[in-house]
């Protein structure tokens, strides 16, 4: 049976390493030999991670990590309410990232074997 893991990220992408850590953990999980089903839900200020073409000067950046996750089959959603509050809902997102809802997160949580929050 495939293990289902949900990673919920609240932390802003810049200013601390919590968001980076969340994406690193999700990447490690997605690449694990056991091939769990990994889903990432970005809430609050973490929704900004879904926007393309951000550069922080520290290397390939978060977009490359998000693109790697998408390529690994990870579902990535931005909280609709959070995205609307930040003016992001109508902007172009990184390919493979889309707007999600709290009922969708509730479904993910109820069917998950593990939920990790950052």
PDB file of N, CA and C in Angstrom:
ATOM      1  N   UNK A   1       0.840  -1.187   0.000  1.00  0.00           N
ATOM      2  CA  UNK A   1       0.000   0.000   0.000  1.00  0.00           C
ATOM      3  C   UNK A   1       0.887   1.253   0.000  1.00  0.00           C
ATOM      4  N   UNK A   2       0.555   2.191  -0.844  1.00  0.00           N
ATOM      5  CA  UNK A   2       1.320   3.429  -0.947  1.00  0.00           C
ATOM      6  C   UNK A   2       0.993   4.348   0.217  1.00  0.00           C
ATOM      7  N   UNK A   3       2.039   4.823   0.874  1.00  0.00           N
ATOM      8  CA  UNK A   3       1.869   5.755   1.980  1.00  0.00           C
ATOM      9  C   UNK A   3       1.518   7.145   1.429  1.00  0.00           C
ATOM     10  N   UNK A   4       0.568   7.816   2.081  1.00  0.00           N
ATOM     11  CA  UNK A   4       0.136   9.151   1.664  1.00  0.00           C
ATOM     12  C   UNK A   4       0.628  10.166   2.689  1.00  0.00           C
ATOM     13  N   UNK A   5       1.374  11.166   2.184  1.00  0.00           N
ATOM     14  CA  UNK A   5       1.958  12.175   3.063  1.00  0.00           C
ATOM     15  C   UNK A   5       1.576  13.565   2.559  1.00  0.00           C
ATOM     16  N   UNK A   6       1.066  14.393   3.460  1.00  0.00           N
ATOM     17  CA  UNK A   6       0.708  15.778   3.145  1.00  0.00           C
ATOM     18  C   UNK A   6       1.675  16.689   3.877  1.00  0.00           C
ATOM     19  N   UNK A   7       2.231  17.645   3.138  1.00  0.00           N
ATOM     20  CA  UNK A   7       3.109  18.651   3.715  1.00  0.00           C
ATOM     21  C   UNK A   7       2.384  19.992   3.601  1.00  0.00           C
ATOM     22  N   UNK A   8       2.113  20.612   4.744  1.00  0.00           N
ATOM     23  CA  UNK A   8       1.443  21.913   4.782  1.00  0.00           C
ATOM     24  C   UNK A   8       2.490  22.965   5.151  1.00  0.00           C
ATOM     25  N   UNK A   9       2.584  24.002   4.318  1.00  0.00           N
ATOM     26  CA  UNK A   9       3.598  25.030   4.539  1.00  0.00           C
ATOM     27  C   UNK A   9       2.905  26.373   4.753  1.00  0.00           C
ATOM     28  N   UNK A  10       3.215  27.002   5.888  1.00  0.00           N
ATOM     29  CA  UNK A  10       2.704  28.335   6.207  1.00  0.00           C
ATOM     30  C   UNK A  10       3.788  29.392   6.082  1.00  0.00           C
ATOM     31  N   UNK A  11       5.024  28.994   6.222  1.00  0.00           N
ATOM     32  CA  UNK A  11       6.148  29.929   6.342  1.00  0.00           C
ATOM     33  C   UNK A  11       6.413  30.670   5.037  1.00  0.00           C
ATOM     34  N   UNK A  12       6.730  31.945   5.160  1.00  0.00           N
ATOM     35  CA  UNK A  12       7.098  32.760   4.004  1.00  0.00           C
ATOM     36  C   UNK A  12       8.347  32.177   3.346  1.00  0.00           C
ATOM     37  N   UNK A  13       8.461  32.311   2.032  1.00  0.00           N
ATOM     38  CA  UNK A  13       9.588  31.711   1.329  1.00  0.00           C
ATOM     39  C   UNK A  13      10.934  32.367   1.635  1.00  0.00           C
ATOM     40  N   UNK A  14      10.928  33.594   2.081  1.00  0.00           N
ATOM     41  CA  UNK A  14      12.178  34.293   2.343  1.00  0.00           C
ATOM     42  C   UNK A  14      12.133  34.858   3.757  1.00  0.00           C
ATOM     43  N   UNK A  15      13.270  34.898   4.402  1.00  0.00           N
ATOM     44  CA  UNK A  15      13.340  35.445   5.753  1.00  0.00           C
ATOM     45  C   UNK A  15      13.620  34.391   6.801  1.00  0.00           C
ATOM     46  N   UNK A  16      13.280  33.151   6.499  1.00  0.00           N
ATOM     47  CA  UNK A  16      13.639  32.023   7.362  1.00  0.00           C
ATOM     48  C   UNK A  16      13.846  30.822   6.447  1.00  0.00           C
ATOM     49  N   UNK A  17      14.259  29.739   7.012  1.00  0.00           N
ATOM     50  CA  UNK A  17      14.501  28.545   6.198  1.00  0.00           C
ATOM     51  C   UNK A  17      13.384  27.509   6.309  1.00  0.00           C
ATOM     52  N   UNK A  18      12.286  27.862   6.963  1.00  0.00           N
ATOM     53  CA  UNK A  18      11.207  26.885   7.143  1.00  0.00           C
ATOM     54  C   UNK A  18      10.602  26.434   5.817  1.00  0.00           C
ATOM     55  N   UNK A  19      10.348  27.368   4.923  1.00  0.00           N
ATOM     56  CA  UNK A  19       9.772  27.013   3.618  1.00  0.00           C
ATOM     57  C   UNK A  19      10.765  26.162   2.823  1.00  0.00           C
ATOM     58  N   UNK A  20      12.021  26.575   2.821  1.00  0.00           N
ATOM     59  CA  UNK A  20      13.062  25.798   2.153  1.00  0.00           C
ATOM     60  C   UNK A  20      13.128  24.395   2.739  1.00  0.00           C
ATOM     61  N   UNK A  21      13.089  24.294   4.057  1.00  0.00           N
ATOM     62  CA  UNK A  21      13.129  22.987   4.716  1.00  0.00           C
ATOM     63  C   UNK A  21      11.937  22.133   4.308  1.00  0.00           C
ATOM     64  N   UNK A  22      10.761  22.732   4.225  1.00  0.00           N
ATOM     65  CA  UNK A  22       9.558  21.998   3.811  1.00  0.00           C
ATOM     66  C   UNK A  22       9.725  21.419   2.415  1.00  0.00           C
ATOM     67  N   UNK A  23      10.235  22.223   1.496  1.00  0.00           N
ATOM     68  CA  UNK A  23      10.425  21.745   0.127  1.00  0.00           C
ATOM     69  C   UNK A  23      11.514  20.684   0.056  1.00  0.00           C
ATOM     70  N   UNK A  24      12.542  20.821   0.870  1.00  0.00           N
ATOM     71  CA  UNK A  24      13.605  19.803   0.914  1.00  0.00           C
ATOM     72  C   UNK A  24      13.059  18.472   1.428  1.00  0.00           C
ATOM     73  N   UNK A  25      12.256  18.530   2.482  1.00  0.00           N
ATOM     74  CA  UNK A  25      11.658  17.308   3.020  1.00  0.00           C
ATOM     75  C   UNK A  25      10.720  16.679   1.986  1.00  0.00           C
ATOM     76  N   UNK A  26       9.887  17.494   1.349  1.00  0.00           N
ATOM     77  CA  UNK A  26       8.973  16.974   0.321  1.00  0.00           C
ATOM     78  C   UNK A  26       9.754  16.331  -0.824  1.00  0.00           C
ATOM     79  N   UNK A  27      10.868  16.940  -1.210  1.00  0.00           N
ATOM     80  CA  UNK A  27      11.704  16.390  -2.279  1.00  0.00           C
ATOM     81  C   UNK A  27      12.303  15.053  -1.863  1.00  0.00           C
ATOM     82  N   UNK A  28      12.802  14.979  -0.633  1.00  0.00           N
ATOM     83  CA  UNK A  28      13.370  13.713  -0.141  1.00  0.00           C
ATOM     84  C   UNK A  28      12.304  12.619  -0.086  1.00  0.00           C
ATOM     85  N   UNK A  29      11.108  12.984   0.357  1.00  0.00           N
ATOM     86  CA  UNK A  29      10.020  12.006   0.412  1.00  0.00           C
ATOM     87  C   UNK A  29       9.631  11.532  -0.981  1.00  0.00           C
ATOM     88  N   UNK A  30       9.489  12.483  -1.907  1.00  0.00           N
ATOM     89  CA  UNK A  30       9.065  12.138  -3.268  1.00  0.00           C
ATOM     90  C   UNK A  30      10.094  11.247  -3.968  1.00  0.00           C
ATOM     91  N   UNK A  31      11.359  11.410  -3.619  1.00  0.00           N
ATOM     92  CA  UNK A  31      12.405  10.618  -4.239  1.00  0.00           C
ATOM     93  C   UNK A  31      12.750   9.342  -3.491  1.00  0.00           C
ATOM     94  N   UNK A  32      12.065   9.084  -2.392  1.00  0.00           N
ATOM     95  CA  UNK A  32      12.352   7.894  -1.583  1.00  0.00           C
ATOM     96  C   UNK A  32      12.011   6.623  -2.351  1.00  0.00           C
ATOM     97  N   UNK A  33      12.778   5.585  -2.076  1.00  0.00           N
ATOM     98  CA  UNK A  33      12.579   4.295  -2.762  1.00  0.00           C
ATOM     99  C   UNK A  33      11.180   3.723  -2.580  1.00  0.00           C
ATOM    100  N   UNK A  34      10.520   4.045  -1.467  1.00  0.00           N
ATOM    101  CA  UNK A  34       9.178   3.510  -1.221  1.00  0.00           C
ATOM    102  C   UNK A  34       8.096   4.218  -2.036  1.00  0.00           C
ATOM    103  N   UNK A  35       8.452   5.303  -2.696  1.00  0.00           N
ATOM    104  CA  UNK A  35       7.545   6.060  -3.579  1.00  0.00           C
ATOM    105  C   UNK A  35       6.206   6.402  -2.926  1.00  0.00           C
ATOM    106  N   UNK A  36       6.240   7.180  -1.825  1.00  0.00           N
ATOM    107  CA  UNK A  36       4.973   7.598  -1.222  1.00  0.00           C
ATOM    108  C   UNK A  36       4.260   8.609  -2.118  1.00  0.00           C
ATOM    109  N   UNK A  37       2.978   8.758  -1.897  1.00  0.00           N
ATOM    110  CA  UNK A  37       2.212   9.804  -2.582  1.00  0.00           C
ATOM    111  C   UNK A  37       2.360  11.068  -1.727  1.00  0.00           C
ATOM    112  N   UNK A  38       3.007  12.083  -2.286  1.00  0.00           N
ATOM    113  CA  UNK A  38       3.280  13.316  -1.552  1.00  0.00           C
ATOM    114  C   UNK A  38       2.442  14.445  -2.151  1.00  0.00           C
ATOM    115  N   UNK A  39       1.814  15.205  -1.265  1.00  0.00           N
ATOM    116  CA  UNK A  39       1.058  16.386  -1.673  1.00  0.00           C
ATOM    117  C   UNK A  39       1.516  17.553  -0.814  1.00  0.00           C
ATOM    118  N   UNK A  40       1.621  18.731  -1.443  1.00  0.00           N
ATOM    119  CA  UNK A  40       2.060  19.934  -0.741  1.00  0.00           C
ATOM    120  C   UNK A  40       0.969  20.989  -0.853  1.00  0.00           C
ATOM    121  N   UNK A  41       0.593  21.555   0.293  1.00  0.00           N
ATOM    122  CA  UNK A  41      -0.414  22.614   0.335  1.00  0.00           C
ATOM    123  C   UNK A  41       0.241  23.859   0.916  1.00  0.00           C
ATOM    124  N   UNK A  42       0.310  24.929   0.116  1.00  0.00           N
ATOM    125  CA  UNK A  42       0.949  26.175   0.522  1.00  0.00           C
ATOM    126  C   UNK A  42      -0.113  27.152   1.014  1.00  0.00           C
ATOM    127  N   UNK A  43       0.057  27.601   2.255  1.00  0.00           N
ATOM    128  CA  UNK A  43      -0.900  28.511   2.881  1.00  0.00           C
ATOM    129  C   UNK A  43      -0.195  29.796   3.315  1.00  0.00           C
ATOM    130  N   UNK A  44      -1.003  30.776   3.694  1.00  0.00           N
ATOM    131  CA  UNK A  44      -0.483  32.040   4.222  1.00  0.00           C
ATOM    132  C   UNK A  44       0.571  32.599   3.269  1.00  0.00           C
ATOM    133  N   UNK A  45       1.685  33.082   3.811  1.00  0.00           N
ATOM    134  CA  UNK A  45       2.720  33.687   2.976  1.00  0.00           C
ATOM    135  C   UNK A  45       3.468  32.683   2.111  1.00  0.00           C
ATOM    136  N   UNK A  46       3.332  31.401   2.390  1.00  0.00           N
ATOM    137  CA  UNK A  46       3.983  30.381   1.561  1.00  0.00           C
ATOM    138  C   UNK A  46       3.391  30.334   0.156  1.00  0.00           C
ATOM    139  N   UNK A  47       2.211  30.897  -0.043  1.00  0.00           N
ATOM    140  CA  UNK A  47       1.602  30.886  -1.379  1.00  0.00           C
ATOM    141  C   UNK A  47       2.486  31.578  -2.416  1.00  0.00           C
ATOM    142  N   UNK A  48       3.316  32.490  -1.983  1.00  0.00           N
ATOM    143  CA  UNK A  48       4.209  33.218  -2.897  1.00  0.00           C
ATOM    144  C   UNK A  48       5.155  32.264  -3.622  1.00  0.00           C
ATOM    145  N   UNK A  49       5.433  31.116  -3.030  1.00  0.00           N
ATOM    146  CA  UNK A  49       6.321  30.125  -3.651  1.00  0.00           C
ATOM    147  C   UNK A  49       5.791  29.679  -5.008  1.00  0.00           C
ATOM    148  N   UNK A  50       4.504  29.751  -5.222  1.00  0.00           N
ATOM    149  CA  UNK A  50       3.916  29.313  -6.477  1.00  0.00           C
ATOM    150  C   UNK A  50       4.145  30.237  -7.656  1.00  0.00           C
ATOM    151  N   UNK A  51       4.706  31.415  -7.409  1.00  0.00           N
ATOM    152  CA  UNK A  51       4.951  32.375  -8.487  1.00  0.00           C
ATOM    153  C   UNK A  51       6.299  32.117  -9.154  1.00  0.00           C
ATOM    154  N   UNK A  52       6.344  32.179 -10.489  1.00  0.00           N
ATOM    155  CA  UNK A  52       7.604  31.945 -11.197  1.00  0.00           C
ATOM    156  C   UNK A  52       8.515  33.171 -11.196  1.00  0.00           C
ATOM    157  N   UNK A  53       9.757  32.929 -11.580  1.00  0.00           N
ATOM    158  CA  UNK A  53      10.751  33.974 -11.873  1.00  0.00           C
ATOM    159  C   UNK A  53      11.196  34.794 -10.673  1.00  0.00           C
ATOM    160  N   UNK A  54      11.208  34.186  -9.491  1.00  0.00           N
ATOM    161  CA  UNK A  54      11.741  34.866  -8.317  1.00  0.00           C
ATOM    162  C   UNK A  54      13.219  34.490  -8.175  1.00  0.00           C
ATOM    163  N   UNK A  55      14.023  35.463  -7.797  1.00  0.00           N
ATOM    164  CA  UNK A  55      15.462  35.223  -7.643  1.00  0.00           C
ATOM    165  C   UNK A  55      15.903  35.785  -6.305  1.00  0.00           C
ATOM    166  N   UNK A  56      16.524  34.932  -5.497  1.00  0.00           N
ATOM    167  CA  UNK A  56      17.013  35.409  -4.210  1.00  0.00           C
ATOM    168  C   UNK A  56      18.529  35.491  -4.164  1.00  0.00           C
ATOM    169  N   UNK A  57      19.198  35.171  -5.276  1.00  0.00           N
ATOM    170  CA  UNK A  57      20.640  35.278  -5.360  1.00  0.00           C
ATOM    171  C   UNK A  57      21.389  34.134  -4.700  1.00  0.00           C
ATOM    172  N   UNK A  58      20.693  33.120  -4.214  1.00  0.00           N
ATOM    173  CA  UNK A  58      21.352  32.042  -3.484  1.00  0.00           C
ATOM    174  C   UNK A  58      21.395  30.743  -4.282  1.00  0.00           C
ATOM    175  N   UNK A  59      21.359  30.820  -5.589  1.00  0.00           N
ATOM    176  CA  UNK A  59      21.403  29.594  -6.379  1.00  0.00           C
ATOM    177  C   UNK A  59      20.136  29.410  -7.183  1.00  0.00           C
ATOM    178  N   UNK A  60      19.825  28.148  -7.516  1.00  0.00           N
ATOM    179  CA  UNK A  60      18.687  27.885  -8.390  1.00  0.00           C
ATOM    180  C   UNK A  60      17.351  28.321  -7.809  1.00  0.00           C
ATOM    181  N   UNK A  61      17.231  28.380  -6.515  1.00  0.00           N
ATOM    182  CA  UNK A  61      16.034  28.923  -5.901  1.00  0.00           C
ATOM    183  C   UNK A  61      14.907  27.941  -5.705  1.00  0.00           C
ATOM    184  N   UNK A  62      13.845  28.475  -5.135  1.00  0.00           N
ATOM    185  CA  UNK A  62      12.695  27.655  -4.770  1.00  0.00           C
ATOM    186  C   UNK A  62      11.915  27.176  -5.985  1.00  0.00           C
ATOM    187  N   UNK A  63      11.904  27.968  -7.051  1.00  0.00           N
ATOM    188  CA  UNK A  63      11.172  27.553  -8.246  1.00  0.00           C
ATOM    189  C   UNK A  63      11.708  26.225  -8.775  1.00  0.00           C
ATOM    190  N   UNK A  64      13.022  26.082  -8.795  1.00  0.00           N
ATOM    191  CA  UNK A  64      13.618  24.827  -9.274  1.00  0.00           C
ATOM    192  C   UNK A  64      13.177  23.658  -8.398  1.00  0.00           C
ATOM    193  N   UNK A  65      13.075  23.899  -7.086  1.00  0.00           N
ATOM    194  CA  UNK A  65      12.630  22.831  -6.187  1.00  0.00           C
ATOM    195  C   UNK A  65      11.179  22.471  -6.459  1.00  0.00           C
ATOM    196  N   UNK A  66      10.345  23.482  -6.672  1.00  0.00           N
ATOM    197  CA  UNK A  66       8.935  23.237  -6.976  1.00  0.00           C
ATOM    198  C   UNK A  66       8.805  22.476  -8.298  1.00  0.00           C
ATOM    199  N   UNK A  67       9.574  22.875  -9.304  1.00  0.00           N
ATOM    200  CA  UNK A  67       9.537  22.187 -10.596  1.00  0.00           C
ATOM    201  C   UNK A  67       9.987  20.733 -10.470  1.00  0.00           C
ATOM    202  N   UNK A  68      10.970  20.484  -9.628  1.00  0.00           N
ATOM    203  CA  UNK A  68      11.423  19.112  -9.382  1.00  0.00           C
ATOM    204  C   UNK A  68      10.314  18.299  -8.731  1.00  0.00           C
ATOM    205  N   UNK A  69       9.645  18.892  -7.758  1.00  0.00           N
ATOM    206  CA  UNK A  69       8.535  18.198  -7.103  1.00  0.00           C
ATOM    207  C   UNK A  69       7.428  17.856  -8.094  1.00  0.00           C
ATOM    208  N   UNK A  70       7.070  18.817  -8.936  1.00  0.00           N
ATOM    209  CA  UNK A  70       6.035  18.578  -9.944  1.00  0.00           C
ATOM    210  C   UNK A  70       6.467  17.441 -10.874  1.00  0.00           C
ATOM    211  N   UNK A  71       7.739  17.462 -11.285  1.00  0.00           N
ATOM    212  CA  UNK A  71       8.254  16.410 -12.168  1.00  0.00           C
ATOM    213  C   UNK A  71       8.220  15.038 -11.493  1.00  0.00           C
ATOM    214  N   UNK A  72       8.325  15.014 -10.163  1.00  0.00           N
ATOM    215  CA  UNK A  72       8.259  13.758  -9.399  1.00  0.00           C
ATOM    216  C   UNK A  72       6.819  13.303  -9.171  1.00  0.00           C
ATOM    217  N   UNK A  73       5.849  14.085  -9.647  1.00  0.00           N
ATOM    218  CA  UNK A  73       4.445  13.704  -9.500  1.00  0.00           C
ATOM    219  C   UNK A  73       3.776  14.235  -8.244  1.00  0.00           C
ATOM    220  N   UNK A  74       4.438  15.167  -7.554  1.00  0.00           N
ATOM    221  CA  UNK A  74       3.869  15.745  -6.339  1.00  0.00           C
ATOM    222  C   UNK A  74       2.791  16.757  -6.723  1.00  0.00           C
ATOM    223  N   UNK A  75       1.648  16.671  -6.079  1.00  0.00           N
ATOM    224  CA  UNK A  75       0.568  17.634  -6.263  1.00  0.00           C
ATOM    225  C   UNK A  75       0.867  18.845  -5.380  1.00  0.00           C
ATOM    226  N   UNK A  76       0.846  20.036  -5.970  1.00  0.00           N
ATOM    227  CA  UNK A  76       1.107  21.259  -5.208  1.00  0.00           C
ATOM    228  C   UNK A  76      -0.046  22.220  -5.425  1.00  0.00           C
ATOM    229  N   UNK A  77      -0.641  22.644  -4.314  1.00  0.00           N
ATOM    230  CA  UNK A  77      -1.769  23.576  -4.352  1.00  0.00           C
ATOM    231  C   UNK A  77      -1.472  24.796  -3.484  1.00  0.00           C
ATOM    232  N   UNK A  78      -2.005  25.936  -3.929  1.00  0.00           N
ATOM    233  CA  UNK A  78      -1.991  27.165  -3.134  1.00  0.00           C
ATOM    234  C   UNK A  78      -3.375  27.333  -2.533  1.00  0.00           C
ATOM    235  N   UNK A  79      -3.425  27.700  -1.277  1.00  0.00           N
ATOM    236  CA  UNK A  79      -4.703  27.985  -0.630  1.00  0.00           C
ATOM    237  C   UNK A  79      -5.394  29.130  -1.372  1.00  0.00           C
ATOM    238  N   UNK A  80      -6.596  28.892  -1.829  1.00  0.00           N
ATOM    239  CA  UNK A  80      -7.332  29.900  -2.593  1.00  0.00           C
ATOM    240  C   UNK A  80      -7.550  31.168  -1.779  1.00  0.00           C
ATOM    241  N   UNK A  81      -8.010  31.036  -0.547  1.00  0.00           N
ATOM    242  CA  UNK A  81      -8.276  32.194   0.303  1.00  0.00           C
ATOM    243  C   UNK A  81      -6.997  32.994   0.533  1.00  0.00           C
ATOM    244  N   UNK A  82      -5.907  32.304   0.806  1.00  0.00           N
ATOM    245  CA  UNK A  82      -4.622  32.960   1.054  1.00  0.00           C
ATOM    246  C   UNK A  82      -4.105  33.654  -0.209  1.00  0.00           C
ATOM    247  N   UNK A  83      -4.263  32.991  -1.355  1.00  0.00           N
ATOM    248  CA  UNK A  83      -3.823  33.577  -2.623  1.00  0.00           C
ATOM    249  C   UNK A  83      -4.649  34.812  -2.968  1.00  0.00           C
ATOM    250  N   UNK A  84      -5.946  34.739  -2.747  1.00  0.00           N
ATOM    251  CA  UNK A  84      -6.803  35.903  -2.987  1.00  0.00           C
ATOM    252  C   UNK A  84      -6.411  37.073  -2.094  1.00  0.00           C
ATOM    253  N   UNK A  85      -6.130  36.807  -0.834  1.00  0.00           N
ATOM    254  CA  UNK A  85      -5.763  37.862   0.113  1.00  0.00           C
ATOM    255  C   UNK A  85      -4.462  38.553  -0.277  1.00  0.00           C
ATOM    256  N   UNK A  86      -3.604  37.864  -1.028  1.00  0.00           N
ATOM    257  CA  UNK A  86      -2.310  38.406  -1.417  1.00  0.00           C
ATOM    258  C   UNK A  86      -2.276  38.844  -2.880  1.00  0.00           C
ATOM    259  N   UNK A  87      -3.418  38.810  -3.552  1.00  0.00           N
ATOM    260  CA  UNK A  87      -3.479  39.247  -4.943  1.00  0.00           C
ATOM    261  C   UNK A  87      -2.809  38.288  -5.912  1.00  0.00           C
ATOM    262  N   UNK A  88      -2.707  37.012  -5.545  1.00  0.00           N
ATOM    263  CA  UNK A  88      -1.990  36.037  -6.372  1.00  0.00           C
ATOM    264  C   UNK A  88      -2.894  35.166  -7.230  1.00  0.00           C
ATOM    265  N   UNK A  89      -4.164  35.135  -6.921  1.00  0.00           N
ATOM    266  CA  UNK A  89      -5.067  34.148  -7.521  1.00  0.00           C
ATOM    267  C   UNK A  89      -5.167  34.253  -9.042  1.00  0.00           C
ATOM    268  N   UNK A  90      -4.984  35.429  -9.589  1.00  0.00           N
ATOM    269  CA  UNK A  90      -5.109  35.600 -11.040  1.00  0.00           C
ATOM    270  C   UNK A  90      -3.753  35.629 -11.745  1.00  0.00           C
ATOM    271  N   UNK A  91      -2.668  35.506 -11.005  1.00  0.00           N
ATOM    272  CA  UNK A  91      -1.330  35.559 -11.595  1.00  0.00           C
ATOM    273  C   UNK A  91      -0.935  34.201 -12.158  1.00  0.00           C
ATOM    274  N   UNK A  92       0.008  34.222 -13.087  1.00  0.00           N
ATOM    275  CA  UNK A  92       0.549  32.991 -13.643  1.00  0.00           C
ATOM    276  C   UNK A  92       1.350  32.274 -12.569  1.00  0.00           C
ATOM    277  N   UNK A  93       1.119  30.976 -12.434  1.00  0.00           N
ATOM    278  CA  UNK A  93       1.820  30.165 -11.448  1.00  0.00           C
ATOM    279  C   UNK A  93       2.850  29.279 -12.141  1.00  0.00           C
ATOM    280  N   UNK A  94       3.766  28.745 -11.366  1.00  0.00           N
ATOM    281  CA  UNK A  94       4.724  27.779 -11.886  1.00  0.00           C
ATOM    282  C   UNK A  94       3.933  26.615 -12.491  1.00  0.00           C
ATOM    283  N   UNK A  95       4.375  26.128 -13.648  1.00  0.00           N
ATOM    284  CA  UNK A  95       3.688  25.008 -14.300  1.00  0.00           C
ATOM    285  C   UNK A  95       3.540  23.840 -13.335  1.00  0.00           C
ATOM    286  N   UNK A  96       2.331  23.331 -13.245  1.00  0.00           N
ATOM    287  CA  UNK A  96       2.047  22.201 -12.374  1.00  0.00           C
ATOM    288  C   UNK A  96       1.515  22.590 -11.011  1.00  0.00           C
ATOM    289  N   UNK A  97       1.567  23.868 -10.677  1.00  0.00           N
ATOM    290  CA  UNK A  97       1.038  24.383  -9.411  1.00  0.00           C
ATOM    291  C   UNK A  97      -0.330  24.986  -9.702  1.00  0.00           C
ATOM    292  N   UNK A  98      -1.278  24.762  -8.806  1.00  0.00           N
ATOM    293  CA  UNK A  98      -2.611  25.325  -9.026  1.00  0.00           C
ATOM    294  C   UNK A  98      -3.237  25.748  -7.704  1.00  0.00           C
ATOM    295  N   UNK A  99      -4.344  26.433  -7.826  1.00  0.00           N
ATOM    296  CA  UNK A  99      -5.082  26.904  -6.656  1.00  0.00           C
ATOM    297  C   UNK A  99      -5.891  25.738  -6.080  1.00  0.00           C
ATOM    298  N   UNK A 100      -5.864  25.607  -4.770  1.00  0.00           N
ATOM    299  CA  UNK A 100      -6.629  24.578  -4.082  1.00  0.00           C
ATOM    300  C   UNK A 100      -7.578  25.212  -3.077  1.00  0.00           C
ATOM    301  N   UNK A 101      -8.330  24.388  -2.406  1.00  0.00           N
ATOM    302  CA  UNK A 101      -9.317  24.872  -1.441  1.00  0.00           C
ATOM    303  C   UNK A 101      -9.135  24.165  -0.101  1.00  0.00           C
ATOM    304  N   UNK A 102      -9.705  24.756   0.934  1.00  0.00           N
ATOM    305  CA  UNK A 102      -9.646  24.114   2.245  1.00  0.00           C
ATOM    306  C   UNK A 102     -10.407  22.784   2.276  1.00  0.00           C
ATOM    307  N   UNK A 103     -11.553  22.659   1.598  1.00  0.00           N
ATOM    308  CA  UNK A 103     -12.169  21.328   1.539  1.00  0.00           C
ATOM    309  C   UNK A 103     -11.250  20.283   0.894  1.00  0.00           C
ATOM    310  N   UNK A 104     -10.480  20.694  -0.106  1.00  0.00           N
ATOM    311  CA  UNK A 104      -9.525  19.781  -0.725  1.00  0.00           C
ATOM    312  C   UNK A 104      -8.442  19.377   0.287  1.00  0.00           C
ATOM    313  N   UNK A 105      -7.926  20.361   1.037  1.00  0.00           N
ATOM    314  CA  UNK A 105      -6.936  20.059   2.073  1.00  0.00           C
ATOM    315  C   UNK A 105      -7.543  19.144   3.140  1.00  0.00           C
ATOM    316  N   UNK A 106      -8.796  19.380   3.485  1.00  0.00           N
ATOM    317  CA  UNK A 106      -9.471  18.515   4.462  1.00  0.00           C
ATOM    318  C   UNK A 106      -9.514  17.073   3.964  1.00  0.00           C
ATOM    319  N   UNK A 107      -9.851  16.887   2.696  1.00  0.00           N
ATOM    320  CA  UNK A 107      -9.869  15.539   2.118  1.00  0.00           C
ATOM    321  C   UNK A 107      -8.486  14.906   2.161  1.00  0.00           C
ATOM    322  N   UNK A 108      -7.463  15.681   1.777  1.00  0.00           N
ATOM    323  CA  UNK A 108      -6.091  15.173   1.812  1.00  0.00           C
ATOM    324  C   UNK A 108      -5.733  14.724   3.226  1.00  0.00           C
ATOM    325  N   UNK A 109      -6.074  15.561   4.202  1.00  0.00           N
ATOM    326  CA  UNK A 109      -5.723  15.287   5.597  1.00  0.00           C
ATOM    327  C   UNK A 109      -6.411  14.022   6.099  1.00  0.00           C
ATOM    328  N   UNK A 110      -7.688  13.870   5.776  1.00  0.00           N
ATOM    329  CA  UNK A 110      -8.446  12.714   6.250  1.00  0.00           C
ATOM    330  C   UNK A 110      -7.971  11.396   5.641  1.00  0.00           C
ATOM    331  N   UNK A 111      -7.384  11.461   4.463  1.00  0.00           N
ATOM    332  CA  UNK A 111      -6.908  10.227   3.813  1.00  0.00           C
ATOM    333  C   UNK A 111      -5.407  10.029   3.962  1.00  0.00           C
ATOM    334  N   UNK A 112      -4.713  10.983   4.579  1.00  0.00           N
ATOM    335  CA  UNK A 112      -3.256  10.897   4.725  1.00  0.00           C
ATOM    336  C   UNK A 112      -2.852   9.938   5.840  1.00  0.00           C
ATOM    337  N   UNK A 113      -1.696   9.310   5.658  1.00  0.00           N
ATOM    338  CA  UNK A 113      -1.080   8.525   6.720  1.00  0.00           C
ATOM    339  C   UNK A 113      -0.276   9.431   7.651  1.00  0.00           C
ATOM    340  N   UNK A 114       0.280  10.490   7.060  1.00  0.00           N
ATOM    341  CA  UNK A 114       1.066  11.453   7.835  1.00  0.00           C
ATOM    342  C   UNK A 114       0.827  12.845   7.293  1.00  0.00           C
ATOM    343  N   UNK A 115       0.794  13.824   8.220  1.00  0.00           N
ATOM    344  CA  UNK A 115       0.696  15.237   7.854  1.00  0.00           C
ATOM    345  C   UNK A 115       1.843  15.955   8.546  1.00  0.00           C
ATOM    346  N   UNK A 116       2.611  16.695   7.770  1.00  0.00           N
ATOM    347  CA  UNK A 116       3.755  17.434   8.290  1.00  0.00           C
ATOM    348  C   UNK A 116       3.489  18.914   8.049  1.00  0.00           C
ATOM    349  N   UNK A 117       3.727  19.744   9.045  1.00  0.00           N
ATOM    350  CA  UNK A 117       3.524  21.185   8.871  1.00  0.00           C
ATOM    351  C   UNK A 117       4.805  21.953   9.121  1.00  0.00           C
ATOM    352  N   UNK A 118       4.959  23.019   8.370  1.00  0.00           N
ATOM    353  CA  UNK A 118       6.091  23.936   8.511  1.00  0.00           C
ATOM    354  C   UNK A 118       5.570  25.348   8.613  1.00  0.00           C
TER     355      UNK A 118
END
